[in-house]
Amino acid sequence: MRKSEKREKIISLLNRHFPDPDVPLDHKDAYTLLIAVLLSAQCTDERVNLITPKLFKKASNPLKMSRLSQDTIYRIIKPCGLGPQKSKAIKKLSEILVKEYQGEVPKDITLLEQLPGVGHKTASVVVAQAFGIPSFPVDTHIHRCAQRWGLTSGKNVATTERDLKKFFPIEEWNKLHIQIIMYARKYCSARSCFGLECPCLLYTSDAADERSSVDLGGRRII
């Protein structure tokens, strides 16, 4: 199967199952998304969504957050893990946004990456989902799927991001980022991967050319 065929089949499958994907982290604007993504490091989205309403009730913009004490922030976000580091980063980045960016989250990914606690993946999610700027944030779910599907030879997320950007058209990046995460969580978990039943594995396998459907979990999904 040619590369272009594999790409179209994967996009078609993901569109069929997740036609209107939304960011799994609850937020109302770029700032609340930034904070939610920061909190999601080594924490489930479900837990973050339980914690952020409590935090945003006290402060949902950089100015209000900057006026909270680090201890107050820490007591609220502690269940998300890495509380000392995250609370320090949230307070400091909020102060910087107020002082240097008039309380606005910058759209420039390089500026975002300079904020405390904001790495490349977090910045990529924010520019993609808050501002619609093409980006392809790669987390462990996407990295795992890309490896299993043979779309990358990379052993780190940076290489995987580069390979996926080459493989998929730029206008699909922001949507695919969410779709692949959803697919991974539903069909391709870290501990179990049903390779003989996975449609994306079939699509990316040389032996897949003659197969057009597959049954996964008792349901036909292609």
Protein backbone atom coordinates (compact mmCIF):
# COMPACT_ATOMS: atom_id res chain seq x y z
CA MET A 1 0.00 0.00 0.00
CA ARG A 2 1.32 3.41 -0.95
CA LYS A 3 2.03 6.03 1.69
CA SER A 4 -0.76 8.26 0.39
CA GLU A 5 -3.27 5.42 0.63
CA LYS A 6 -2.27 4.61 4.20
CA ARG A 7 -2.59 8.26 5.16
CA GLU A 8 -6.06 8.62 3.66
CA LYS A 9 -7.31 5.39 5.21
CA ILE A 10 -6.10 6.40 8.68
CA ILE A 11 -7.63 9.88 8.39
CA SER A 12 -10.90 8.36 7.13
CA LEU A 13 -11.06 5.90 10.02
CA LEU A 14 -10.38 8.56 12.63
CA ASN A 15 -12.93 10.91 11.09
CA ARG A 16 -15.51 8.14 11.13
CA HIS A 17 -15.10 7.41 14.82
CA PHE A 18 -14.19 10.85 16.14
CA PRO A 19 -15.69 13.33 13.65
CA ASP A 20 -15.83 16.30 16.01
CA PRO A 21 -13.09 15.81 18.57
CA ASP A 22 -12.84 18.28 21.41
CA VAL A 23 -10.07 18.95 23.90
CA PRO A 24 -10.67 16.58 26.83
CA LEU A 25 -9.64 19.27 29.31
CA ASP A 26 -12.42 21.65 30.36
CA HIS A 27 -11.56 25.30 29.71
CA LYS A 28 -13.13 28.55 28.56
CA ASP A 29 -10.20 30.44 27.03
CA ALA A 30 -6.49 30.27 26.26
CA TYR A 31 -5.45 30.95 29.86
CA THR A 32 -7.63 28.30 31.46
CA LEU A 33 -6.51 25.82 28.78
CA LEU A 34 -2.88 26.64 29.52
CA ILE A 35 -3.37 26.00 33.23
CA ALA A 36 -5.34 22.79 32.61
CA VAL A 37 -2.68 21.39 30.26
CA LEU A 38 0.05 22.28 32.75
CA LEU A 39 -1.85 20.43 35.49
CA SER A 40 -2.35 17.38 33.26
CA ALA A 41 1.34 16.45 33.39
CA GLN A 42 1.48 13.01 35.04
CA CYS A 43 -2.21 13.31 35.87
CA THR A 44 -5.38 12.12 34.19
CA ASP A 45 -7.64 14.54 32.34
CA GLU A 46 -10.54 13.35 34.49
CA ARG A 47 -8.82 14.41 37.68
CA VAL A 48 -7.75 17.74 36.20
CA ASN A 49 -11.38 18.41 35.25
CA LEU A 50 -12.39 17.80 38.86
CA ILE A 51 -9.76 20.20 40.19
CA THR A 52 -9.86 23.13 37.77
CA PRO A 53 -13.41 24.30 38.65
CA LYS A 54 -12.24 24.79 42.23
CA LEU A 55 -9.14 26.65 41.10
CA PHE A 56 -10.88 28.80 38.50
CA LYS A 57 -13.62 29.72 40.96
CA LYS A 58 -10.94 31.55 42.89
CA ALA A 59 -8.98 32.79 39.89
CA SER A 60 -9.74 32.30 36.21
CA ASN A 61 -7.42 34.94 34.77
CA PRO A 62 -3.74 35.81 35.20
CA LEU A 63 -4.34 38.88 37.38
CA LYS A 64 -6.48 37.08 39.94
CA MET A 65 -4.19 34.03 39.91
CA SER A 66 -1.11 36.18 40.47
CA ARG A 67 -2.73 37.57 43.61
CA LEU A 68 -3.26 34.12 45.14
CA SER A 69 -0.54 32.77 47.37
CA GLN A 70 1.41 29.79 46.10
CA ASP A 71 0.19 27.86 49.14
CA THR A 72 -3.44 28.55 48.25
CA ILE A 73 -2.88 27.28 44.71
CA TYR A 74 -1.01 24.26 46.04
CA ARG A 75 -3.80 23.22 48.41
CA ILE A 76 -6.27 23.19 45.53
CA ILE A 77 -4.16 21.43 42.91
CA LYS A 78 -2.41 18.96 45.21
CA PRO A 79 -4.50 15.96 43.99
CA CYS A 80 -3.05 16.48 40.49
CA GLY A 81 0.43 15.56 41.68
CA LEU A 82 3.67 17.53 41.50
CA GLY A 83 1.91 20.18 43.54
CA PRO A 84 4.92 22.23 44.68
CA GLN A 85 6.32 22.57 41.15
CA LYS A 86 2.96 23.18 39.48
CA SER A 87 1.73 25.74 42.01
CA LYS A 88 4.99 27.66 41.72
CA ALA A 89 4.80 27.60 37.91
CA ILE A 90 1.14 28.68 37.84
CA LYS A 91 1.73 31.66 40.10
CA LYS A 92 4.93 32.74 38.36
CA LEU A 93 3.62 32.41 34.79
CA SER A 94 0.50 34.34 35.79
CA GLU A 95 2.67 37.16 37.14
CA ILE A 96 4.65 37.19 33.90
CA LEU A 97 1.49 37.30 31.78
CA VAL A 98 0.26 40.30 33.75
CA LYS A 99 3.58 42.12 33.70
CA GLU A 100 4.78 41.38 30.17
CA TYR A 101 1.70 40.47 28.12
CA GLN A 102 -1.09 42.64 29.55
CA GLY A 103 -2.72 39.55 31.00
CA GLU A 104 -3.00 37.81 27.63
CA VAL A 105 -1.60 34.41 26.65
CA PRO A 106 0.87 34.90 23.77
CA LYS A 107 0.14 33.10 20.50
CA ASP A 108 3.83 32.65 19.71
CA ILE A 109 4.88 29.13 20.68
CA THR A 110 8.44 30.22 21.44
CA LEU A 111 7.15 32.81 23.91
CA LEU A 112 4.86 30.26 25.52
CA GLU A 113 7.76 27.86 25.97
CA GLN A 114 9.61 30.51 27.96
CA LEU A 115 6.90 30.56 30.63
CA PRO A 116 7.57 28.60 33.84
CA GLY A 117 6.28 25.03 33.68
CA VAL A 118 5.38 25.28 29.99
CA GLY A 119 7.17 22.77 27.79
CA HIS A 120 6.91 22.21 24.06
CA LYS A 121 3.92 19.88 24.26
CA THR A 122 1.92 22.21 26.50
CA ALA A 123 2.70 25.20 24.29
CA SER A 124 1.77 23.21 21.18
CA VAL A 125 -1.62 22.25 22.63
CA VAL A 126 -2.39 25.85 23.50
CA VAL A 127 -1.48 27.34 20.11
CA ALA A 128 -3.35 24.54 18.32
CA GLN A 129 -6.53 24.41 20.35
CA ALA A 130 -6.84 27.97 21.65
CA PHE A 131 -5.58 29.86 18.60
CA GLY A 132 -6.04 27.42 15.71
CA ILE A 133 -2.37 27.57 14.75
CA PRO A 134 -1.26 24.32 13.08
CA SER A 135 0.69 22.21 15.54
CA PHE A 136 1.06 18.53 16.36
CA PRO A 137 1.56 18.04 20.10
CA VAL A 138 2.83 14.53 20.76
CA ASP A 139 2.07 12.89 24.08
CA THR A 140 2.68 9.29 25.13
CA HIS A 141 -0.57 8.13 23.48
CA ILE A 142 0.32 9.60 20.09
CA HIS A 143 3.93 8.46 20.38
CA ARG A 144 2.77 4.91 21.12
CA CYS A 145 0.32 4.77 18.22
CA ALA A 146 2.77 6.29 15.76
CA GLN A 147 5.33 3.63 16.67
CA ARG A 148 2.83 0.77 16.48
CA TRP A 149 1.50 2.01 13.15
CA GLY A 150 4.99 2.30 11.72
CA LEU A 151 4.66 6.04 11.11
CA THR A 152 7.86 6.91 12.95
CA SER A 153 11.19 5.32 13.68
CA GLY A 154 11.78 7.81 16.45
CA LYS A 155 12.48 6.79 20.01
CA ASN A 156 11.41 10.14 21.43
CA VAL A 157 8.44 12.46 21.03
CA ALA A 158 10.47 15.12 19.21
CA THR A 159 11.30 12.75 16.37
CA THR A 160 7.75 11.40 16.32
CA GLU A 161 6.37 14.95 16.02
CA ARG A 162 8.67 15.64 13.09
CA ASP A 163 7.69 12.40 11.33
CA LEU A 164 3.95 12.91 11.83
CA LYS A 165 4.15 16.46 10.51
CA LYS A 166 5.76 15.08 7.36
CA PHE A 167 3.23 12.26 7.04
CA PHE A 168 -0.02 14.17 7.59
CA PRO A 169 -1.12 17.39 5.83
CA ILE A 170 -0.78 20.53 7.91
CA GLU A 171 -4.50 21.35 7.76
CA GLU A 172 -5.24 18.09 9.60
CA TRP A 173 -2.71 18.42 12.44
CA ASN A 174 -4.87 20.07 15.10
CA LYS A 175 -7.77 17.68 14.61
CA LEU A 176 -5.60 14.58 14.31
CA HIS A 177 -3.82 15.37 17.56
CA ILE A 178 -7.08 14.94 19.49
CA GLN A 179 -8.38 12.08 17.34
CA ILE A 180 -5.30 9.90 17.84
CA ILE A 181 -5.41 10.45 21.60
CA MET A 182 -9.07 9.37 21.62
CA TYR A 183 -8.29 6.36 19.45
CA ALA A 184 -5.38 5.33 21.68
CA ARG A 185 -7.44 5.53 24.84
CA LYS A 186 -10.27 3.49 23.36
CA TYR A 187 -8.49 0.92 21.20
CA CYS A 188 -4.73 1.05 21.73
CA SER A 189 -3.80 1.20 25.41
CA ALA A 190 -0.24 1.03 26.64
CA ARG A 191 -0.61 -2.45 28.13
CA SER A 192 -2.68 -4.06 25.42
CA CYS A 193 -2.65 -3.69 21.68
CA PHE A 194 -4.69 -6.07 19.55
CA GLY A 195 -2.42 -5.87 16.53
CA LEU A 196 -4.29 -8.45 14.47
CA GLU A 197 -7.53 -6.53 14.97
CA CYS A 198 -6.33 -2.94 14.86
CA PRO A 199 -7.46 -1.24 11.65
CA CYS A 200 -4.64 1.29 11.70
CA LEU A 201 -2.10 -1.50 12.07
CA LEU A 202 -3.71 -3.25 9.14
CA TYR A 203 -3.55 -0.08 7.08
CA THR A 204 0.12 0.42 7.81
CA SER A 205 1.05 -3.20 7.20
CA ASP A 206 2.15 -4.52 3.81
CA ALA A 207 -0.15 -7.47 4.39
CA ALA A 208 -3.17 -5.21 4.71
CA ASP A 209 -3.83 -4.51 1.06
CA GLU A 210 -6.44 -7.19 0.63
CA ARG A 211 -8.31 -6.46 3.87
CA SER A 212 -11.03 -3.87 3.99
CA SER A 213 -12.70 -4.49 7.33
CA VAL A 214 -11.90 -5.73 10.80
CA ASP A 215 -13.85 -6.64 13.89
CA LEU A 216 -12.68 -5.06 17.12
CA GLY A 217 -14.31 -6.02 20.38
CA GLY A 218 -17.21 -7.68 18.61
CA ARG A 219 -18.01 -4.59 16.53
CA ARG A 220 -17.22 -3.92 12.91
CA ILE A 221 -15.42 -0.60 12.86
CA ILE A 222 -14.32 -0.08 9.29
